[in-house]
Structures are given as C-alpha cells and as structure tokens.
C-alpha cells in the first residue's frame, strides 16, 4: 500500500505547486481536528510518484465510514493506477462509498475524465459554481475589470473613513461571523475551527485575516487563503450596523491585493448558485436564499463564471449507500 505520511505528502505536492488548497496536508490536519481521519496515497512508475490523493474519512455508525477526495486527485491523468490503491484503503476502513470532487472545470473543449466504476452524484460538498477573478496586470487593470458600482463602493468605503487591515483577532472575526450567520440564516463553524485554520495556514503565508473598522468599530471581517497561483475567499462577515459604509467591498479588495502580493493570478470567490449565467442575471435582484444572497455582491468583482466537474461516487456497500443517501438528503458533510 503506497501510503505516505504528512511530510512525504508535502514533498509529493512540491512537484504540483498549483494543487488545490483542499489537497494540502495542512487542510487534512484541519479536518482531522474536527472529526475526520486523513490518509495520503501516491503511485507512479519506478521511484517517482506521479499521481496521488489526500483521502478524508468520516466515521459512521457501526464502524463504517465515508471517504472523500476534495479537489483531487493530484497529478497527471489518467488516474487509473491510483484507484485500486484507493479502493483497498476504502475497503480496509469499511467505507460505504467514496466521493470525488476533482479540481477540474467543465469546458466544451475538455471532456470530463472517465472514472471507471463511479457514478455521477447528485450531492456536492463543495459549491459547484464560482466566480474567478483575474488578478493579472496592475491594480488599475484589476479594478477596471470590475463593475462600475463595485469600484465606486470600494472607493466610497475609503472616502467614508473605513480602514481595512490584517489582524489576528479571531474573537472579533467570530463575533462578526455569528452576527452574519444569524442575519442570513447561514452555517457558521466554531471559533476553534477558524482559530485552527488560521494557526495552520497563516505561518505558511497561506492565510490572512482582514478586519474593517471605522472609528474603532469593527464592521466586517474576511479570511482568505492562498496556495500556488490561486487564492480563495472562504469566510466573510459583516456587522448589522454601518453597512452603508461598504466595508465588505474594501476587504475583498484588500484580500485581492494581498493575494497579488504573494504571486496569485486568480482569486476564487467560492460559491454562487448552481445555475447558468442568464438565470443568475435574471434572478439575483429578486432572490436572496442560500447563495443567491451573496451573488449580487460577488458578481460586481468581475469574475468569470466557472462550474466544477463532478461529483462522482464509487459505491462499496449499495444497501448502506441507499440508506445513507436517504438520511443525508438535507444534511451537509462538511
């Protein structure tokens, strides 16, 4: 079994510097701190491992588990030689099924990879559709690709005396996250979760927490991540008061500037409703549920709409899989 430890996995990822953040050992350690188990596999020819995956396992009742490859496998296709090793590991850990969400975008000129033994899954863990902001060029060119109203709101925040700056104050961040979750009826992780994420990624230069203030009052917060040439906006929040000062717009711009400073060329706004662009543009003014509530905000930053390929499930125990699907129809795995 070609299993690796965390250090060996990081060495393997050194050959793939633009692998997704969710395939890093640090992300595996974060999930391991909150109920998941993590394993790393790599296969290749001779002594050179060419394809690998970080596999997460979530325990289920009666000793069973579910297995999950988030934004992987890593390495060149075809991935065929990897699957027998993944299968053996999943059976060893009594996985009911394996879910795979590859780090690939749908594109007419690039057909979806064939995953033998997998079936398309109706359930995604990560959002299928997102907006990717191009960070290339100078700052004025990045701003020019945004919608006029968004540029105006960034400058309005500055004009109204809002300041955005890096911070390590996780308590303030969490307080704003709780306020946003209550206002928008959205899920919020625990303070310990955000603190652990910051502790794991910030020392590596792969995470920054930003706060926006006006006259000492905290108005908004944002936690951004980066790995390789990409950055991601995973967590953001704002206070109920003084929203007319547009602090959230300023923080997105500060996060993009930070990402550009560390060499990123793409900024992933991470999650919009999973419908095509005409439907998004037709519906965002009248809908506010779920990810519709943030699409109006995110669309202004000039990102390109993309949809991820997958997800796919590989079923090991069909009866238990059917029961699990029924049980989790309205639940989240993440």
Protein backbone atom coordinates (compact mmCIF):
# COMPACT_ATOMS: atom_id res chain seq x y z
CA UNK A 1 0.00 0.00 0.00
CA UNK A 2 1.70 3.25 -1.13
CA UNK A 3 0.59 5.29 1.87
CA UNK A 4 2.53 8.41 2.83
CA UNK A 5 2.87 10.48 5.97
CA UNK A 6 2.14 14.22 6.06
CA UNK A 7 5.75 15.19 5.40
CA UNK A 8 6.01 12.81 2.45
CA UNK A 9 2.73 14.15 1.05
CA UNK A 10 4.03 17.71 1.24
CA UNK A 11 7.14 16.57 -0.62
CA UNK A 12 4.95 14.97 -3.29
CA UNK A 13 2.93 18.19 -3.61
CA UNK A 14 6.18 20.04 -4.22
CA UNK A 15 6.00 18.70 -7.78
CA UNK A 16 2.49 20.15 -8.11
CA UNK A 17 2.71 23.68 -6.66
CA UNK A 18 -0.72 24.62 -8.02
CA UNK A 19 -2.59 21.75 -6.40
CA UNK A 20 -5.78 22.85 -4.68
CA UNK A 21 -5.59 24.08 -1.09
CA UNK A 22 -8.03 21.32 -0.07
CA UNK A 23 -5.42 18.71 -1.04
CA UNK A 24 -2.71 20.12 1.23
CA UNK A 25 -1.61 18.27 4.35
CA UNK A 26 -2.48 21.38 6.37
CA UNK A 27 -6.10 21.14 5.21
CA UNK A 28 -6.10 17.46 6.12
CA UNK A 29 -4.81 18.36 9.57
CA UNK A 30 -7.57 20.95 9.95
CA UNK A 31 -10.25 18.39 9.10
CA UNK A 32 -8.58 15.79 11.34
CA UNK A 33 -9.02 18.20 14.25
CA UNK A 34 -12.80 18.14 13.71
CA UNK A 35 -13.92 14.58 13.24
CA UNK A 36 -12.24 13.38 10.04
CA UNK A 37 -9.38 10.96 9.55
CA UNK A 38 -6.86 11.59 6.79
CA UNK A 39 -4.69 9.36 4.60
CA UNK A 40 -2.36 10.06 1.69
CA UNK A 41 -1.68 7.79 -1.28
CA UNK A 42 0.65 8.16 -4.25
CA UNK A 43 1.50 5.88 -7.15
CA UNK A 44 3.81 6.16 -10.13
CA UNK A 45 6.48 4.49 -12.19
CA UNK A 46 9.69 3.46 -10.50
CA UNK A 47 10.62 5.67 -7.58
CA UNK A 48 8.73 8.68 -8.90
CA UNK A 49 5.16 9.11 -7.62
CA UNK A 50 3.10 10.77 -10.34
CA UNK A 51 -0.48 10.68 -9.06
CA UNK A 52 -1.81 10.90 -5.55
CA UNK A 53 -4.71 11.88 -3.34
CA UNK A 54 -5.46 13.08 0.14
CA UNK A 55 -8.42 10.98 1.28
CA UNK A 56 -10.63 12.06 4.17
CA UNK A 57 -12.70 9.57 6.15
CA UNK A 58 -15.73 10.38 8.30
CA UNK A 59 -16.84 7.77 10.79
CA UNK A 60 -20.36 6.41 10.55
CA UNK A 61 -22.26 4.19 13.00
CA UNK A 62 -21.35 0.50 13.38
CA UNK A 63 -17.73 1.03 12.36
CA UNK A 64 -18.43 2.16 8.82
CA UNK A 65 -17.13 5.34 7.21
CA UNK A 66 -17.48 7.53 4.15
CA UNK A 67 -14.46 8.52 2.08
CA UNK A 68 -13.92 11.83 0.33
CA UNK A 69 -11.33 13.23 -2.09
CA UNK A 70 -11.77 17.01 -2.16
CA UNK A 71 -10.44 18.77 -5.28
CA UNK A 72 -8.24 15.86 -6.30
CA UNK A 73 -6.59 13.58 -7.24
CA UNK A 74 -3.34 15.44 -7.76
CA UNK A 75 -1.10 14.75 -10.72
CA UNK A 76 -1.42 13.95 -14.37
CA UNK A 77 -4.22 11.92 -15.81
CA UNK A 78 -5.08 9.15 -16.33
CA UNK A 79 -5.72 8.44 -12.68
CA UNK A 80 -6.41 4.76 -13.32
CA UNK A 81 -3.41 3.31 -11.44
CA UNK A 82 -4.47 5.19 -8.30
CA UNK A 83 -7.97 3.76 -7.95
CA UNK A 84 -7.04 0.17 -6.94
CA UNK A 85 -4.96 1.59 -4.09
CA UNK A 86 -7.78 3.93 -3.06
CA UNK A 87 -10.25 1.03 -3.23
CA UNK A 88 -8.07 -1.11 -0.99
CA UNK A 89 -7.77 1.67 1.56
CA UNK A 90 -11.51 2.37 1.49
CA UNK A 91 -12.38 -1.28 1.99
CA UNK A 92 -9.88 -1.51 4.83
CA UNK A 93 -11.67 1.37 6.55
CA UNK A 94 -15.13 -0.04 5.78
CA UNK A 95 -16.15 2.89 3.58
CA UNK A 96 -19.74 2.79 2.37
CA UNK A 97 -18.74 4.90 -0.61
CA UNK A 98 -16.07 7.26 -1.92
CA UNK A 99 -16.97 10.74 -3.14
CA UNK A 100 -14.60 12.50 -5.55
CA UNK A 101 -14.82 16.19 -6.49
CA UNK A 102 -11.94 16.84 -8.95
CA UNK A 103 -10.12 20.12 -9.31
CA UNK A 104 -11.35 20.48 -12.90
CA UNK A 105 -13.70 22.90 -14.64
CA UNK A 106 -16.38 22.00 -17.13
CA UNK A 107 -15.44 23.16 -20.63
CA UNK A 108 -16.79 22.27 -24.09
CA UNK A 109 -13.29 21.68 -25.41
CA UNK A 110 -12.29 19.47 -22.45
CA UNK A 111 -14.46 16.40 -21.93
CA UNK A 112 -14.96 15.13 -18.41
CA UNK A 113 -12.50 12.40 -17.39
CA UNK A 114 -13.85 8.88 -17.38
CA UNK A 115 -13.85 7.47 -13.86
CA UNK A 116 -14.44 3.72 -14.21
CA UNK A 117 -16.68 2.30 -11.52
CA UNK A 118 -18.00 5.72 -10.48
CA UNK A 119 -21.50 7.12 -10.91
CA UNK A 120 -22.49 10.81 -11.10
CA UNK A 121 -23.62 12.01 -7.69
CA UNK A 122 -26.50 14.39 -7.02
CA UNK A 123 -24.79 15.67 -3.86
CA UNK A 124 -21.87 18.08 -3.81
CA UNK A 125 -19.91 19.01 -0.72
CA UNK A 126 -18.07 21.99 -2.19
CA UNK A 127 -20.01 24.53 -4.28
CA UNK A 128 -20.13 23.52 -7.95
CA UNK A 129 -20.17 27.01 -9.41
CA UNK A 130 -18.00 30.01 -8.59
CA UNK A 131 -16.56 33.26 -9.93
CA UNK A 132 -12.82 33.51 -10.67
CA UNK A 133 -11.32 36.99 -10.57
CA UNK A 134 -8.33 37.59 -12.81
CA UNK A 135 -5.56 39.26 -10.77
CA UNK A 136 -3.14 39.76 -13.67
CA UNK A 137 -1.98 43.22 -14.66
CA UNK A 138 -1.60 46.21 -12.38
CA UNK A 139 -4.15 47.26 -9.76
CA UNK A 140 -5.90 49.67 -12.09
CA UNK A 141 -6.39 46.89 -14.63
CA UNK A 142 -7.88 44.61 -11.96
CA UNK A 143 -10.22 47.37 -10.85
CA UNK A 144 -11.16 48.14 -14.46
CA UNK A 145 -12.50 44.59 -14.89
CA UNK A 146 -14.94 45.13 -12.02
CA UNK A 147 -18.38 46.59 -12.43
CA UNK A 148 -18.52 50.35 -12.05
CA UNK A 149 -20.69 50.17 -8.92
CA UNK A 150 -18.23 47.86 -7.18
CA UNK A 151 -15.30 50.18 -7.92
CA UNK A 152 -17.41 53.03 -6.58
CA UNK A 153 -18.20 51.11 -3.37
CA UNK A 154 -14.52 50.32 -2.74
CA UNK A 155 -13.64 53.99 -3.06
CA UNK A 156 -16.71 55.03 -1.06
CA UNK A 157 -15.55 52.91 1.89
CA UNK A 158 -12.22 54.72 1.85
CA UNK A 159 -13.91 58.10 1.49
CA UNK A 160 -16.14 57.35 4.47
CA UNK A 161 -13.13 56.61 6.65
CA UNK A 162 -13.20 52.80 6.66
CA UNK A 163 -9.81 51.17 7.08
CA UNK A 164 -9.02 47.56 6.18
CA UNK A 165 -6.01 45.82 7.70
CA UNK A 166 -4.58 42.38 8.54
CA UNK A 167 -5.40 41.18 12.05
CA UNK A 168 -5.06 38.14 14.29
CA UNK A 169 -8.17 38.91 16.35
CA UNK A 170 -10.13 35.69 15.87
CA UNK A 171 -12.62 36.63 18.60
CA UNK A 172 -13.76 39.71 16.69
CA UNK A 173 -13.87 37.70 13.48
CA UNK A 174 -16.04 35.06 15.13
CA UNK A 175 -18.39 37.62 16.65
CA UNK A 176 -18.99 39.06 13.19
CA UNK A 177 -19.41 35.56 11.73
CA UNK A 178 -22.09 34.79 14.33
CA UNK A 179 -23.92 38.05 13.54
CA UNK A 180 -23.83 37.28 9.82
CA UNK A 181 -24.97 33.70 10.34
CA UNK A 182 -27.94 34.86 12.39
CA UNK A 183 -28.86 37.58 9.90
CA UNK A 184 -28.55 35.39 6.81
CA UNK A 185 -29.56 32.06 8.38
CA UNK A 186 -26.25 30.58 7.20
CA UNK A 187 -23.98 27.99 8.79
CA UNK A 188 -21.02 29.04 10.91
CA UNK A 189 -18.12 26.92 12.12
CA UNK A 190 -16.95 27.08 15.72
CA UNK A 191 -14.40 29.61 16.93
CA UNK A 192 -11.98 26.71 17.45
CA UNK A 193 -12.35 25.74 13.78
CA UNK A 194 -11.43 29.20 12.50
CA UNK A 195 -8.61 29.50 15.02
CA UNK A 196 -7.17 26.15 13.95
CA UNK A 197 -7.37 27.11 10.27
CA UNK A 198 -5.54 30.36 10.99
CA UNK A 199 -2.88 28.59 13.09
CA UNK A 200 -2.21 26.04 10.37
CA UNK A 201 -2.12 28.29 7.31
CA UNK A 202 -1.04 31.75 8.49
CA UNK A 203 2.52 30.74 9.48
CA UNK A 204 2.90 29.30 5.96
CA UNK A 205 1.88 32.60 4.41
CA UNK A 206 -1.24 30.92 3.04
CA UNK A 207 -3.91 32.64 5.12
CA UNK A 208 -4.71 36.19 6.13
CA UNK A 209 -7.43 37.60 8.30
CA UNK A 210 -8.64 41.12 7.47
CA UNK A 211 -10.76 43.45 9.58
CA UNK A 212 -12.52 46.66 8.54
CA UNK A 213 -13.06 49.41 11.11
CA UNK A 214 -14.47 52.90 11.34
CA UNK A 215 -13.60 54.98 14.40
CA UNK A 216 -12.59 51.83 16.25
CA UNK A 217 -15.84 49.95 15.49
CA UNK A 218 -15.36 46.61 13.73
CA UNK A 219 -17.63 46.49 10.69
CA UNK A 220 -16.52 43.49 8.61
CA UNK A 221 -14.06 40.61 8.52
CA UNK A 222 -12.68 38.28 5.88
CA UNK A 223 -10.43 35.20 5.96
CA UNK A 224 -8.65 34.47 2.68
CA UNK A 225 -6.40 31.56 1.75
CA UNK A 226 -3.77 31.08 -0.94
CA UNK A 227 -1.73 28.23 -2.37
CA UNK A 228 0.34 28.31 -5.52
CA UNK A 229 -1.11 30.71 -8.05
CA UNK A 230 -4.63 30.73 -6.57
CA UNK A 231 -6.37 32.42 -3.67
CA UNK A 232 -9.78 31.66 -2.16
CA UNK A 233 -12.36 33.68 -0.26
CA UNK A 234 -13.76 31.09 2.14
CA UNK A 235 -15.15 33.05 5.09
CA UNK A 236 -16.52 36.56 5.40
CA UNK A 237 -18.78 38.50 7.73
CA UNK A 238 -20.17 41.96 8.40
CA UNK A 239 -21.87 43.76 11.26
CA UNK A 240 -25.51 44.78 11.15
CA UNK A 241 -24.67 48.46 11.55
CA UNK A 242 -22.96 50.94 9.19
CA UNK A 243 -23.26 48.68 6.17
CA UNK A 244 -23.74 51.82 4.09
CA UNK A 245 -20.00 52.42 4.51
CA UNK A 246 -19.36 49.38 2.25
CA UNK A 247 -16.67 47.75 4.42
CA UNK A 248 -17.09 44.31 2.81
CA UNK A 249 -16.17 45.72 -0.61
CA UNK A 250 -12.99 47.23 0.76
CA UNK A 251 -11.97 43.97 2.44
CA UNK A 252 -12.36 41.99 -0.78
CA UNK A 253 -10.06 44.47 -2.47
CA UNK A 254 -7.54 44.23 0.39
CA UNK A 255 -7.63 40.42 0.12
CA UNK A 256 -7.05 40.59 -3.63
CA UNK A 257 -4.12 42.94 -3.11
CA UNK A 258 -2.66 40.51 -0.55
CA UNK A 259 -3.11 37.60 -2.98
CA UNK A 260 -1.44 39.57 -5.78
CA UNK A 261 1.46 40.38 -3.45
CA UNK A 262 2.18 36.70 -2.93
CA UNK A 263 2.06 35.93 -6.66
CA UNK A 264 -1.50 34.71 -7.13
CA UNK A 265 -3.13 35.23 -10.52
CA UNK A 266 -6.65 34.02 -9.67
CA UNK A 267 -8.97 34.84 -6.77
CA UNK A 268 -11.79 32.35 -6.26
CA UNK A 269 -14.92 33.89 -4.73
CA UNK A 270 -16.03 30.36 -3.77
CA UNK A 271 -19.66 29.74 -4.31
CA UNK A 272 -22.59 31.13 -6.26
CA UNK A 273 -25.93 29.49 -7.14
CA UNK A 274 -25.52 26.48 -9.41
CA UNK A 275 -27.41 27.83 -12.41
CA UNK A 276 -26.17 29.26 -15.70
CA UNK A 277 -25.28 32.91 -16.17
CA UNK A 278 -28.54 34.04 -17.84
CA UNK A 279 -30.51 32.58 -14.92
CA UNK A 280 -28.17 34.20 -12.41
CA UNK A 281 -28.51 37.61 -14.03
CA UNK A 282 -32.27 37.25 -14.32
CA UNK A 283 -32.77 36.17 -10.70
CA UNK A 284 -30.29 37.93 -8.46
CA UNK A 285 -32.43 41.05 -7.94
CA UNK A 286 -35.41 39.09 -6.59
CA UNK A 287 -33.87 36.09 -4.79
CA UNK A 288 -31.90 36.08 -1.54
CA UNK A 289 -31.99 32.50 -0.25
CA UNK A 290 -28.82 30.42 0.03
CA UNK A 291 -26.00 31.51 -2.26
CA UNK A 292 -28.33 33.91 -4.04
CA UNK A 293 -27.82 36.25 -1.12
CA UNK A 294 -24.13 36.70 -1.95
CA UNK A 295 -24.27 36.58 -5.75
CA UNK A 296 -25.31 40.23 -6.08
CA UNK A 297 -22.21 41.16 -4.05
CA UNK A 298 -19.76 38.78 -5.74
CA UNK A 299 -20.79 39.47 -9.33
CA UNK A 300 -19.50 43.02 -9.11
CA UNK A 301 -15.85 41.97 -8.86
CA UNK A 302 -15.71 40.98 -12.50
CA UNK A 303 -15.05 37.27 -12.08
CA UNK A 304 -15.57 34.63 -14.77
CA UNK A 305 -18.31 32.11 -14.01
CA UNK A 306 -16.99 28.54 -13.83
CA UNK A 307 -18.56 25.19 -12.93
CA UNK A 308 -16.63 22.30 -11.42
CA UNK A 309 -16.75 18.81 -12.87
CA UNK A 310 -18.20 16.02 -10.80
CA UNK A 311 -19.03 14.97 -8.17
CA UNK A 312 -18.78 11.21 -8.56
CA UNK A 313 -19.45 8.41 -6.09
CA UNK A 314 -17.84 4.97 -6.00
CA UNK A 315 -20.13 2.67 -4.05
CA UNK A 316 -18.79 -0.22 -1.98
CA UNK A 317 -21.92 -1.12 0.02
CA UNK A 318 -25.03 -0.42 -2.09
CA UNK A 319 -27.67 -1.03 0.60
CA UNK A 320 -25.95 1.18 3.14
CA UNK A 321 -25.30 3.79 0.46
CA UNK A 322 -29.01 3.96 -0.35
CA UNK A 323 -29.81 4.35 3.33
CA UNK A 324 -27.12 7.00 3.75
CA UNK A 325 -28.46 8.97 0.79
CA UNK A 326 -31.91 8.99 2.38
CA UNK A 327 -30.50 10.00 5.77
CA UNK A 328 -28.35 12.85 4.49
CA UNK A 329 -30.71 14.30 1.90
CA UNK A 330 -30.92 17.58 3.83
CA UNK A 331 -27.62 17.42 5.69
CA UNK A 332 -24.10 18.66 4.96
CA UNK A 333 -20.94 16.56 5.07
CA UNK A 334 -18.51 19.45 5.51
